[in-house]
C-alpha atoms as a PDB file:
ATOM      1  CA  MET A   1      59.577  73.112  75.662  1.00  0.00           C
ATOM      2  CA  THR A   2      63.319  73.537  75.176  1.00  0.00           C
ATOM      3  CA  THR A   3      65.886  73.493  77.955  1.00  0.00           C
ATOM      4  CA  ASP A   4      66.344  77.269  77.519  1.00  0.00           C
ATOM      5  CA  GLU A   5      62.604  77.835  77.931  1.00  0.00           C
ATOM      6  CA  THR A   6      62.567  75.570  80.967  1.00  0.00           C
ATOM      7  CA  LEU A   7      65.466  77.446  82.586  1.00  0.00           C
ATOM      8  CA  GLN A   8      63.694  80.745  81.929  1.00  0.00           C
ATOM      9  CA  GLY A   9      60.585  79.318  83.589  1.00  0.00           C
ATOM     10  CA  ALA A  10      62.569  78.468  86.738  1.00  0.00           C
ATOM     11  CA  ARG A  11      64.087  81.963  86.762  1.00  0.00           C
ATOM     12  CA  THR A  12      60.622  83.470  86.383  1.00  0.00           C
ATOM     13  CA  ARG A  13      59.411  81.447  89.369  1.00  0.00           C
ATOM     14  CA  VAL A  14      62.252  82.919  91.471  1.00  0.00           C
ATOM     15  CA  HIS A  15      61.323  86.418  90.299  1.00  0.00           C
ATOM     16  CA  ASN A  16      57.663  85.844  91.196  1.00  0.00           C
ATOM     17  CA  ALA A  17      58.608  84.455  94.621  1.00  0.00           C
ATOM     18  CA  LYS A  18      60.693  87.569  95.312  1.00  0.00           C
ATOM     19  CA  GLN A  19      57.715  89.756  94.414  1.00  0.00           C
ATOM     20  CA  ALA A  20      55.389  87.741  96.679  1.00  0.00           C
ATOM     21  CA  MET A  21      57.754  87.538  99.683  1.00  0.00           C
ATOM     22  CA  PRO A  22      60.427  90.255  99.393  1.00  0.00           C
ATOM     23  CA  ASP A  23      61.841  89.655 102.892  1.00  0.00           C
ATOM     24  CA  ALA A  24      62.565  85.930 102.472  1.00  0.00           C
ATOM     25  CA  ASP A  25      66.095  84.567 102.901  1.00  0.00           C
ATOM     26  CA  TYR A  26      65.948  82.261  99.854  1.00  0.00           C
ATOM     27  CA  TYR A  27      63.870  81.883  96.698  1.00  0.00           C
ATOM     28  CA  VAL A  28      63.497  78.631  94.758  1.00  0.00           C
ATOM     29  CA  GLY A  29      62.202  78.050  91.248  1.00  0.00           C
ATOM     30  CA  LEU A  30      61.606  74.572  89.799  1.00  0.00           C
ATOM     31  CA  GLU A  31      60.542  73.930  86.214  1.00  0.00           C
ATOM     32  CA  ALA A  32      60.213  70.686  84.272  1.00  0.00           C
ATOM     33  CA  GLY A  33      60.211  70.268  80.504  1.00  0.00           C
ATOM     34  CA  LEU A  34      59.883  67.674  77.770  1.00  0.00           C
ATOM     35  CA  ASP A  35      61.913  67.186  74.606  1.00  0.00           C
ATOM     36  CA  GLY A  36      60.421  64.330  72.613  1.00  0.00           C
ATOM     37  CA  ASP A  37      60.283  61.377  74.997  1.00  0.00           C
ATOM     38  CA  LEU A  38      62.860  62.863  77.398  1.00  0.00           C
ATOM     39  CA  THR A  39      61.972  64.834  80.498  1.00  0.00           C
ATOM     40  CA  PHE A  40      64.253  67.134  82.464  1.00  0.00           C
ATOM     41  CA  ALA A  41      64.117  69.831  85.136  1.00  0.00           C
ATOM     42  CA  TRP A  42      65.871  73.057  86.107  1.00  0.00           C
ATOM     43  CA  MET A  43      66.236  74.367  89.654  1.00  0.00           C
ATOM     44  CA  VAL A  44      67.220  77.952  90.487  1.00  0.00           C
ATOM     45  CA  ILE A  45      67.972  79.112  94.038  1.00  0.00           C
ATOM     46  CA  GLU A  46      68.699  82.736  94.886  1.00  0.00           C
ATOM     47  CA  ASP A  47      69.376  84.319  98.261  1.00  0.00           C
ATOM     48  CA  ALA A  48      68.470  87.750  99.593  1.00  0.00           C
ATOM     49  CA  HIS A  49      71.843  89.087  98.353  1.00  0.00           C
ATOM     50  CA  GLN A  50      71.067  87.989  94.756  1.00  0.00           C
ATOM     51  CA  ARG A  51      73.600  85.154  94.799  1.00  0.00           C
ATOM     52  CA  ARG A  52      72.188  82.495  92.499  1.00  0.00           C
ATOM     53  CA  GLY A  53      72.762  78.853  91.726  1.00  0.00           C
ATOM     54  CA  GLU A  54      71.256  77.006  88.755  1.00  0.00           C
ATOM     55  CA  ALA A  55      71.270  73.273  88.128  1.00  0.00           C
ATOM     56  CA  ALA A  56      69.648  70.899  85.649  1.00  0.00           C
ATOM     57  CA  ARG A  57      68.925  67.210  85.666  1.00  0.00           C
ATOM     58  CA  PRO A  58      70.412  65.867  82.407  1.00  0.00           C
ATOM     59  CA  LEU A  59      68.087  64.773  79.621  1.00  0.00           C
ATOM     60  CA  SER A  60      69.450  61.242  79.504  1.00  0.00           C
ATOM     61  CA  LEU A  61      68.348  60.375  83.045  1.00  0.00           C
ATOM     62  CA  TYR A  62      64.617  60.417  82.409  1.00  0.00           C
ATOM     63  CA  ARG A  63      63.253  58.638  79.353  1.00  0.00           C
ATOM     64  CA  LEU A  64      59.482  58.333  79.291  1.00  0.00           C
ATOM     65  CA  PRO A  65      58.022  54.889  78.554  1.00  0.00           C
ATOM     66  CA  HIS A  66      56.496  54.365  75.116  1.00  0.00           C
END
């Protein structure tokens, strides 16, 4: 799963949350991915006014043990 696919997954989670609870103040999507032996995650937060923030944990922080 590439970082682009992982980001899209987090965005999709926000979209699905908005569909499930349209009157919420905030929506959060978290998605984790793997690239070889590295793991990473994307977080997307959007408010009711469609202001959005996106952040990733860098690949180099999480190396899986062999």
